[in-house]
Amino acid sequence: MKGIIPIIGNVKFSITLDPGVWIFDDRKIDLDTYFETEEAQMDLMEEYIEKTAKHWEREIREGAVYPPTLKTERKYEKEKVLNGTFGIHLEPFIQNAQPLDRANKIKFHTLDDTIELSLEDVSNVVLAFSKKGRPLVDDGPVHLYFADGSNRQNPVKNIQKIEIS
C-alpha cells in the first residue's frame, strides 16, 4: 500500500506507520520553526501528559461551553494545519515496535538507497509528513531530517520501509 511504511526486522512487533493520520497527532512539530529555535529537550511523553492535563483542567473549570478565545484558538490552529509544514519524532514509534536486545542498527530503505544509523541515533530523527499543508506525495510519504538540522537542505526522501537489525 502506497503511503504506508512498515517497521520490520529485529522487533517484537512489526508495525506500520501511516503518515496521513499524523496531522491529528498532538506530538507533531512545526518544521517551519523547529530548526530555527532550540527546542527544550523535554521528554515527549512528559510534554504530552502536561498538555493533556492542562486541557483536562480547562474543561473542568470552564465546562463544555467554549469561550470565544478557545474558538479563536481552534480557528487559528485549523489554518495552521491547512498551511503548515509538519513532522514527528520517530523514537516513540520505534519504542512501540520494541526492538529486540540484539538490535543495534536502523535502516531506512528508499527507492534508490539504504541509509543506516545506529539505533541510539533514533532519538535524533524527525520524519516530515507535510509541506505547506499538503502530504508529501511525489517523493514521500515522509522525509527524514536529523533533529540538529544538518540535512535540512537535503533530507532523505522516498522512504519505503524501516528495518531494525
N, C-alpha and C. Protein backbone atom coordinates (compact mmCIF):
# COMPACT_ATOMS: atom_id res chain seq x y z
N MET A 1 0.84 -1.18 0.00
CA MET A 1 0.00 0.00 0.00
C MET A 1 0.89 1.24 0.00
N LYS A 2 0.60 2.11 -0.91
CA LYS A 2 1.39 3.34 -1.04
C LYS A 2 1.07 4.28 0.11
N GLY A 3 2.10 4.88 0.68
CA GLY A 3 1.90 5.82 1.78
C GLY A 3 2.02 5.19 3.15
N ILE A 4 2.16 3.89 3.21
CA ILE A 4 2.31 3.18 4.48
C ILE A 4 3.76 2.70 4.58
N ILE A 5 4.36 2.88 5.76
CA ILE A 5 5.76 2.50 5.96
C ILE A 5 5.83 1.41 7.03
N PRO A 6 6.29 0.21 6.68
CA PRO A 6 6.42 -0.83 7.70
C PRO A 6 7.71 -0.68 8.50
N ILE A 7 7.65 -1.03 9.77
CA ILE A 7 8.84 -1.16 10.62
C ILE A 7 8.99 -2.66 10.86
N ILE A 8 10.08 -3.22 10.35
CA ILE A 8 10.27 -4.67 10.38
C ILE A 8 11.65 -4.99 10.94
N GLY A 9 11.93 -6.28 11.06
CA GLY A 9 13.26 -6.72 11.47
C GLY A 9 13.28 -7.26 12.88
N ASN A 10 14.33 -6.92 13.62
CA ASN A 10 14.53 -7.40 14.98
C ASN A 10 13.69 -6.61 15.98
N VAL A 11 12.38 -6.76 15.84
CA VAL A 11 11.44 -6.09 16.73
C VAL A 11 10.44 -7.12 17.25
N LYS A 12 9.92 -6.85 18.41
CA LYS A 12 8.91 -7.73 18.98
C LYS A 12 7.60 -7.62 18.19
N PHE A 13 7.28 -6.39 17.75
CA PHE A 13 6.05 -6.15 16.99
C PHE A 13 6.39 -5.44 15.69
N SER A 14 6.08 -6.06 14.56
CA SER A 14 6.19 -5.36 13.28
C SER A 14 4.98 -4.44 13.18
N ILE A 15 5.24 -3.17 12.95
CA ILE A 15 4.14 -2.21 12.88
C ILE A 15 4.22 -1.44 11.57
N THR A 16 3.14 -0.75 11.25
CA THR A 16 3.13 0.10 10.07
C THR A 16 2.85 1.53 10.48
N LEU A 17 3.46 2.45 9.78
CA LEU A 17 3.25 3.88 10.03
C LEU A 17 2.39 4.43 8.90
N ASP A 18 1.37 5.20 9.27
CA ASP A 18 0.52 5.87 8.30
C ASP A 18 0.65 7.37 8.49
N PRO A 19 1.54 8.02 7.76
CA PRO A 19 1.77 9.46 7.93
C PRO A 19 0.52 10.31 7.66
N GLY A 20 -0.45 9.77 6.98
CA GLY A 20 -1.67 10.52 6.68
C GLY A 20 -2.48 10.90 7.90
N VAL A 21 -2.31 10.18 8.99
CA VAL A 21 -3.09 10.49 10.20
C VAL A 21 -2.30 11.31 11.21
N TRP A 22 -1.03 11.55 10.95
CA TRP A 22 -0.22 12.30 11.91
C TRP A 22 -0.62 13.75 12.06
N ILE A 23 -1.34 14.29 11.10
CA ILE A 23 -1.77 15.68 11.19
C ILE A 23 -2.67 15.88 12.42
N PHE A 24 -3.31 14.82 12.89
CA PHE A 24 -4.18 14.88 14.06
C PHE A 24 -3.44 14.55 15.35
N ASP A 25 -2.17 14.19 15.27
CA ASP A 25 -1.38 13.78 16.43
C ASP A 25 -0.86 15.01 17.17
N ASP A 26 -1.06 15.04 18.48
CA ASP A 26 -0.60 16.17 19.29
C ASP A 26 0.92 16.26 19.36
N ARG A 27 1.61 15.20 19.00
CA ARG A 27 3.07 15.20 19.07
C ARG A 27 3.73 15.82 17.83
N LYS A 28 2.94 16.23 16.85
CA LYS A 28 3.52 16.80 15.63
C LYS A 28 4.26 18.10 15.96
N ILE A 29 5.27 18.37 15.16
CA ILE A 29 6.07 19.57 15.38
C ILE A 29 6.04 20.42 14.11
N ASP A 30 6.07 21.72 14.29
CA ASP A 30 6.06 22.67 13.19
C ASP A 30 7.48 22.81 12.66
N LEU A 31 7.73 22.29 11.47
CA LEU A 31 9.08 22.32 10.92
C LEU A 31 9.48 23.69 10.39
N ASP A 32 8.51 24.59 10.24
CA ASP A 32 8.84 25.96 9.83
C ASP A 32 9.65 26.67 10.91
N THR A 33 9.42 26.31 12.17
CA THR A 33 10.12 26.96 13.27
C THR A 33 11.05 26.02 14.04
N TYR A 34 10.94 24.73 13.83
CA TYR A 34 11.68 23.74 14.62
C TYR A 34 13.20 23.92 14.51
N PHE A 35 13.70 24.15 13.31
CA PHE A 35 15.14 24.23 13.13
C PHE A 35 15.71 25.61 13.46
N GLU A 36 14.85 26.64 13.54
CA GLU A 36 15.32 27.97 13.89
C GLU A 36 15.51 28.16 15.38
N THR A 37 14.66 27.53 16.16
CA THR A 37 14.71 27.70 17.61
C THR A 37 15.24 26.42 18.25
N GLU A 38 15.95 26.58 19.34
CA GLU A 38 16.41 25.42 20.07
C GLU A 38 15.28 24.93 20.95
N GLU A 39 14.81 23.75 20.63
CA GLU A 39 13.70 23.17 21.37
C GLU A 39 14.22 22.60 22.69
N ALA A 40 13.48 22.86 23.75
CA ALA A 40 13.87 22.30 25.05
C ALA A 40 13.83 20.79 24.96
N GLN A 41 14.84 20.15 25.50
CA GLN A 41 14.93 18.70 25.44
C GLN A 41 14.07 18.07 26.54
N MET A 42 12.77 18.14 26.33
CA MET A 42 11.82 17.60 27.29
C MET A 42 11.35 16.23 26.80
N ASP A 43 11.19 15.34 27.69
CA ASP A 43 10.70 14.02 27.34
C ASP A 43 9.36 14.17 26.62
N LEU A 44 9.21 13.49 25.48
CA LEU A 44 8.00 13.63 24.68
C LEU A 44 6.75 13.20 25.43
N MET A 45 6.84 12.14 26.19
CA MET A 45 5.68 11.68 26.95
C MET A 45 5.32 12.67 28.04
N GLU A 46 6.32 13.25 28.67
CA GLU A 46 6.09 14.25 29.70
C GLU A 46 5.38 15.48 29.11
N GLU A 47 5.79 15.89 27.94
CA GLU A 47 5.16 17.03 27.27
C GLU A 47 3.71 16.72 26.92
N TYR A 48 3.47 15.52 26.43
CA TYR A 48 2.11 15.11 26.07
C TYR A 48 1.22 15.08 27.31
N ILE A 49 1.72 14.54 28.40
CA ILE A 49 0.94 14.48 29.64
C ILE A 49 0.64 15.88 30.16
N GLU A 50 1.60 16.77 30.06
CA GLU A 50 1.40 18.14 30.52
C GLU A 50 0.31 18.84 29.70
N LYS A 51 0.34 18.69 28.38
CA LYS A 51 -0.68 19.30 27.52
C LYS A 51 -2.07 18.72 27.83
N THR A 52 -2.13 17.42 28.01
CA THR A 52 -3.40 16.77 28.30
C THR A 52 -3.95 17.23 29.65
N ALA A 53 -3.09 17.36 30.65
CA ALA A 53 -3.52 17.80 31.97
C ALA A 53 -4.07 19.23 31.92
N LYS A 54 -3.40 20.11 31.18
CA LYS A 54 -3.89 21.48 31.05
C LYS A 54 -5.25 21.52 30.37
N HIS A 55 -5.40 20.71 29.34
CA HIS A 55 -6.68 20.67 28.63
C HIS A 55 -7.78 20.14 29.55
N TRP A 56 -7.49 19.09 30.28
CA TRP A 56 -8.46 18.50 31.20
C TRP A 56 -8.87 19.51 32.28
N GLU A 57 -7.88 20.20 32.84
CA GLU A 57 -8.15 21.20 33.87
C GLU A 57 -9.05 22.31 33.32
N ARG A 58 -8.77 22.75 32.11
CA ARG A 58 -9.57 23.80 31.49
C ARG A 58 -11.01 23.31 31.26
N GLU A 59 -11.17 22.07 30.83
CA GLU A 59 -12.51 21.51 30.62
C GLU A 59 -13.29 21.45 31.93
N ILE A 60 -12.63 21.10 33.01
CA ILE A 60 -13.31 21.02 34.30
C ILE A 60 -13.70 22.42 34.77
N ARG A 61 -12.79 23.39 34.65
CA ARG A 61 -13.08 24.76 35.10
C ARG A 61 -14.17 25.43 34.26
N GLU A 62 -14.10 25.28 32.95
CA GLU A 62 -14.98 26.04 32.08
C GLU A 62 -16.17 25.25 31.56
N GLY A 63 -16.18 23.97 31.78
CA GLY A 63 -17.30 23.16 31.31
C GLY A 63 -17.24 22.93 29.81
N ALA A 64 -18.36 22.48 29.26
CA ALA A 64 -18.41 22.13 27.84
C ALA A 64 -18.60 23.34 26.94
N VAL A 65 -18.95 24.49 27.50
CA VAL A 65 -19.14 25.69 26.69
C VAL A 65 -17.77 26.30 26.41
N TYR A 66 -17.49 26.51 25.14
CA TYR A 66 -16.20 27.05 24.77
C TYR A 66 -16.27 28.57 24.70
N PRO A 67 -15.47 29.28 25.48
CA PRO A 67 -15.45 30.73 25.39
C PRO A 67 -14.91 31.17 24.03
N PRO A 68 -15.17 32.39 23.62
CA PRO A 68 -14.71 32.85 22.31
C PRO A 68 -13.22 32.71 22.08
N THR A 69 -12.42 32.81 23.14
CA THR A 69 -10.98 32.69 22.95
C THR A 69 -10.60 31.29 22.48
N LEU A 70 -11.28 30.28 22.99
CA LEU A 70 -10.98 28.92 22.54
C LEU A 70 -11.41 28.71 21.10
N LYS A 71 -12.53 29.32 20.70
CA LYS A 71 -12.95 29.21 19.31
C LYS A 71 -11.94 29.87 18.39
N THR A 72 -11.41 30.99 18.82
CA THR A 72 -10.40 31.70 18.04
C THR A 72 -9.12 30.86 17.95
N GLU A 73 -8.73 30.26 19.07
CA GLU A 73 -7.55 29.40 19.07
C GLU A 73 -7.73 28.24 18.11
N ARG A 74 -8.90 27.64 18.11
CA ARG A 74 -9.16 26.50 17.24
C ARG A 74 -9.16 26.91 15.77
N LYS A 75 -9.69 28.10 15.48
CA LYS A 75 -9.69 28.59 14.10
C LYS A 75 -8.25 28.80 13.63
N TYR A 76 -7.42 29.41 14.48
CA TYR A 76 -6.02 29.61 14.14
C TYR A 76 -5.32 28.27 13.94
N GLU A 77 -5.60 27.33 14.82
CA GLU A 77 -4.98 26.00 14.73
C GLU A 77 -5.38 25.31 13.43
N LYS A 78 -6.63 25.47 13.01
CA LYS A 78 -7.10 24.87 11.76
C LYS A 78 -6.35 25.47 10.58
N GLU A 79 -6.19 26.81 10.57
CA GLU A 79 -5.45 27.46 9.49
C GLU A 79 -4.00 27.00 9.47
N LYS A 80 -3.42 26.84 10.63
CA LYS A 80 -2.04 26.40 10.73
C LYS A 80 -1.89 24.99 10.15
N VAL A 81 -2.84 24.11 10.45
CA VAL A 81 -2.80 22.74 9.94
C VAL A 81 -2.95 22.74 8.41
N LEU A 82 -3.78 23.61 7.89
CA LEU A 82 -4.02 23.66 6.45
C LEU A 82 -2.85 24.24 5.67
N ASN A 83 -1.99 25.01 6.32
CA ASN A 83 -0.91 25.69 5.62
C ASN A 83 0.49 25.35 6.13
N GLY A 84 0.59 24.55 7.19
CA GLY A 84 1.87 24.33 7.84
C GLY A 84 2.69 23.20 7.26
N THR A 85 3.94 23.15 7.70
CA THR A 85 4.88 22.09 7.36
C THR A 85 5.19 21.35 8.66
N PHE A 86 4.86 20.07 8.69
CA PHE A 86 4.93 19.33 9.95
C PHE A 86 5.77 18.06 9.85
N GLY A 87 6.26 17.67 11.01
CA GLY A 87 7.00 16.43 11.16
C GLY A 87 6.67 15.82 12.52
N ILE A 88 7.25 14.67 12.77
CA ILE A 88 7.03 13.98 14.04
C ILE A 88 8.30 13.20 14.37
N HIS A 89 8.62 13.09 15.64
CA HIS A 89 9.79 12.32 16.07
C HIS A 89 9.53 10.83 15.84
N LEU A 90 10.53 10.12 15.37
CA LEU A 90 10.40 8.69 15.09
C LEU A 90 10.50 7.83 16.34
N GLU A 91 11.19 8.29 17.35
CA GLU A 91 11.51 7.48 18.52
C GLU A 91 10.30 6.78 19.17
N PRO A 92 9.16 7.45 19.39
CA PRO A 92 8.04 6.74 20.03
C PRO A 92 7.54 5.54 19.23
N PHE A 93 7.61 5.62 17.92
CA PHE A 93 7.16 4.51 17.08
C PHE A 93 8.11 3.33 17.18
N ILE A 94 9.40 3.62 17.24
CA ILE A 94 10.40 2.55 17.39
C ILE A 94 10.24 1.90 18.78
N GLN A 95 9.98 2.71 19.79
CA GLN A 95 9.75 2.15 21.13
C GLN A 95 8.53 1.24 21.14
N ASN A 96 7.48 1.61 20.42
CA ASN A 96 6.27 0.77 20.36
C ASN A 96 6.54 -0.55 19.64
N ALA A 97 7.44 -0.55 18.67
CA ALA A 97 7.80 -1.79 17.98
C ALA A 97 8.65 -2.70 18.87
N GLN A 98 9.24 -2.15 19.91
CA GLN A 98 10.07 -2.86 20.90
C GLN A 98 11.22 -3.64 20.24
N PRO A 99 12.29 -2.93 19.87
CA PRO A 99 13.46 -3.61 19.30
C PRO A 99 13.99 -4.68 20.25
N LEU A 100 14.42 -5.79 19.69
CA LEU A 100 14.99 -6.87 20.49
C LEU A 100 16.36 -6.47 21.01
N ASP A 101 16.83 -7.19 22.02
CA ASP A 101 18.11 -6.87 22.66
C ASP A 101 19.28 -6.89 21.68
N ARG A 102 19.23 -7.77 20.71
CA ARG A 102 20.33 -7.89 19.76
C ARG A 102 20.32 -6.79 18.68
N ALA A 103 19.26 -6.01 18.61
CA ALA A 103 19.14 -4.95 17.60
C ALA A 103 20.06 -3.77 17.95
N ASN A 104 20.78 -3.28 16.95
CA ASN A 104 21.66 -2.14 17.18
C ASN A 104 21.72 -1.16 16.00
N LYS A 105 21.05 -1.47 14.91
CA LYS A 105 21.05 -0.61 13.72
C LYS A 105 19.61 -0.35 13.27
N ILE A 106 19.43 0.79 12.62
CA ILE A 106 18.16 1.11 11.98
C ILE A 106 18.47 1.47 10.53
N LYS A 107 17.75 0.85 9.60
CA LYS A 107 17.99 1.07 8.18
C LYS A 107 16.73 1.68 7.57
N PHE A 108 16.93 2.75 6.80
CA PHE A 108 15.86 3.40 6.08
C PHE A 108 16.02 3.04 4.60
N HIS A 109 15.12 2.21 4.09
CA HIS A 109 15.18 1.77 2.70
C HIS A 109 14.40 2.76 1.84
N THR A 110 15.10 3.37 0.88
CA THR A 110 14.47 4.29 -0.06
C THR A 110 14.35 3.60 -1.41
N LEU A 111 13.85 4.31 -2.40
CA LEU A 111 13.76 3.73 -3.75
C LEU A 111 15.13 3.40 -4.32
N ASP A 112 16.15 4.21 -3.98
CA ASP A 112 17.46 4.06 -4.60
C ASP A 112 18.56 3.59 -3.67
N ASP A 113 18.38 3.70 -2.37
CA ASP A 113 19.50 3.53 -1.45
C ASP A 113 19.00 3.02 -0.11
N THR A 114 19.93 2.71 0.77
CA THR A 114 19.64 2.36 2.15
C THR A 114 20.52 3.21 3.05
N ILE A 115 19.88 3.91 3.98
CA ILE A 115 20.60 4.75 4.94
C ILE A 115 20.61 4.00 6.26
N GLU A 116 21.80 3.83 6.85
CA GLU A 116 21.94 3.07 8.08
C GLU A 116 22.44 3.98 9.21
N LEU A 117 21.76 3.88 10.36
CA LEU A 117 22.14 4.62 11.56
C LEU A 117 22.20 3.65 12.73
N SER A 118 22.87 4.05 13.79
CA SER A 118 22.83 3.23 15.00
C SER A 118 21.47 3.44 15.65
N LEU A 119 20.99 2.46 16.36
CA LEU A 119 19.68 2.53 16.98
C LEU A 119 19.61 3.64 18.03
N GLU A 120 20.75 3.98 18.63
CA GLU A 120 20.79 5.05 19.61
C GLU A 120 20.50 6.42 18.96
N ASP A 121 20.75 6.54 17.67
CA ASP A 121 20.54 7.80 16.96
C ASP A 121 19.07 8.06 16.61
N VAL A 122 18.20 7.10 16.89
CA VAL A 122 16.79 7.27 16.51
C VAL A 122 16.14 8.45 17.24
N SER A 123 16.68 8.83 18.38
CA SER A 123 16.12 9.98 19.11
C SER A 123 16.39 11.29 18.38
N ASN A 124 17.29 11.28 17.40
CA ASN A 124 17.62 12.48 16.64
C ASN A 124 16.97 12.51 15.26
N VAL A 125 15.97 11.66 15.03
CA VAL A 125 15.33 11.57 13.72
C VAL A 125 13.93 12.17 13.77
N VAL A 126 13.65 13.05 12.82
CA VAL A 126 12.33 13.65 12.65
C VAL A 126 11.85 13.27 11.26
N LEU A 127 10.61 12.78 11.18
CA LEU A 127 10.02 12.44 9.89
C LEU A 127 9.03 13.54 9.49
N ALA A 128 9.32 14.23 8.39
CA ALA A 128 8.40 15.23 7.87
C ALA A 128 7.31 14.50 7.10
N PHE A 129 6.05 14.94 7.28
CA PHE A 129 4.95 14.28 6.58
C PHE A 129 4.07 15.25 5.81
N SER A 130 4.28 16.55 5.96
CA SER A 130 3.52 17.51 5.16
C SER A 130 4.36 18.74 4.89
N LYS A 131 4.08 19.38 3.76
CA LYS A 131 4.77 20.62 3.40
C LYS A 131 3.72 21.60 2.89
N LYS A 132 3.63 22.74 3.57
CA LYS A 132 2.66 23.78 3.23
C LYS A 132 1.24 23.22 3.15
N GLY A 133 0.91 22.36 4.11
CA GLY A 133 -0.44 21.82 4.22
C GLY A 133 -0.75 20.65 3.33
N ARG A 134 0.21 20.17 2.58
CA ARG A 134 -0.01 19.06 1.65
C ARG A 134 0.85 17.85 2.03
N PRO A 135 0.30 16.64 1.86
CA PRO A 135 1.12 15.45 2.10
C PRO A 135 2.26 15.36 1.09
N LEU A 136 3.30 14.66 1.46
CA LEU A 136 4.48 14.50 0.59
C LEU A 136 4.25 13.34 -0.36
N VAL A 137 3.50 13.58 -1.40
CA VAL A 137 3.08 12.53 -2.33
C VAL A 137 4.18 12.17 -3.32
N ASP A 138 4.81 13.15 -3.94
CA ASP A 138 5.76 12.89 -5.02
C ASP A 138 7.03 12.17 -4.58
N ASP A 139 7.61 12.59 -3.47
CA ASP A 139 8.86 11.99 -3.01
C ASP A 139 8.77 11.55 -1.56
N GLY A 140 7.60 11.17 -1.13
CA GLY A 140 7.35 10.77 0.24
C GLY A 140 7.11 9.28 0.34
N PRO A 141 6.39 8.88 1.31
CA PRO A 141 5.42 9.60 2.13
C PRO A 141 6.03 10.42 3.26
N VAL A 142 7.32 10.21 3.55
CA VAL A 142 7.98 11.01 4.58
C VAL A 142 9.38 11.39 4.11
N HIS A 143 9.90 12.46 4.72
CA HIS A 143 11.29 12.86 4.54
C HIS A 143 11.96 12.73 5.90
N LEU A 144 13.19 12.26 5.91
CA LEU A 144 13.93 12.09 7.15
C LEU A 144 14.86 13.29 7.35
N TYR A 145 14.70 13.92 8.51
CA TYR A 145 15.57 15.01 8.92
C TYR A 145 16.26 14.62 10.22
N PHE A 146 17.48 15.12 10.40
CA PHE A 146 18.14 14.98 11.69
C PHE A 146 17.72 16.17 12.54
N ALA A 147 17.51 15.94 13.82
CA ALA A 147 17.00 16.97 14.73
C ALA A 147 17.90 18.20 14.79
N ASP A 148 19.18 18.03 14.51
CA ASP A 148 20.08 19.18 14.55
C ASP A 148 20.00 20.02 13.27
N GLY A 149 19.24 19.58 12.29
CA GLY A 149 19.06 20.33 11.05
C GLY A 149 20.21 20.20 10.07
N SER A 150 21.13 19.28 10.31
CA SER A 150 22.31 19.16 9.45
C SER A 150 21.98 18.77 8.01
N ASN A 151 20.86 18.09 7.80
CA ASN A 151 20.47 17.71 6.43
C ASN A 151 19.19 18.44 6.01
N ARG A 152 18.97 19.59 6.57
CA ARG A 152 17.75 20.35 6.31
C ARG A 152 17.55 20.65 4.82
N GLN A 153 18.61 20.96 4.12
CA GLN A 153 18.51 21.28 2.70
C GLN A 153 18.46 20.03 1.82
N ASN A 154 18.84 18.89 2.38
CA ASN A 154 18.88 17.65 1.60
C ASN A 154 18.40 16.47 2.44
N PRO A 155 17.09 16.40 2.75
CA PRO A 155 16.60 15.30 3.57
C PRO A 155 16.58 13.98 2.80
N VAL A 156 16.50 12.89 3.53
CA VAL A 156 16.35 11.57 2.92
C VAL A 156 14.89 11.46 2.49
N LYS A 157 14.67 11.13 1.21
CA LYS A 157 13.31 11.08 0.66
C LYS A 157 12.98 9.68 0.16
N ASN A 158 11.73 9.48 -0.19
CA ASN A 158 11.24 8.22 -0.77
C ASN A 158 11.48 7.02 0.13
N ILE A 159 11.28 7.16 1.42
CA ILE A 159 11.46 6.05 2.36
C ILE A 159 10.32 5.06 2.18
N GLN A 160 10.67 3.80 1.93
CA GLN A 160 9.69 2.76 1.67
C GLN A 160 9.46 1.84 2.86
N LYS A 161 10.52 1.61 3.65
CA LYS A 161 10.40 0.80 4.86
C LYS A 161 11.53 1.10 5.80
N ILE A 162 11.31 0.75 7.06
CA ILE A 162 12.30 0.93 8.11
C ILE A 162 12.59 -0.44 8.68
N GLU A 163 13.87 -0.78 8.73
CA GLU A 163 14.28 -2.10 9.21
C GLU A 163 15.20 -1.95 10.41
N ILE A 164 14.88 -2.68 11.48
CA ILE A 164 15.73 -2.74 12.66
C ILE A 164 16.56 -4.00 12.56
N SER A 165 17.90 -3.86 12.67
CA SER A 165 18.75 -5.06 12.57
C SER A 165 19.79 -5.06 13.67
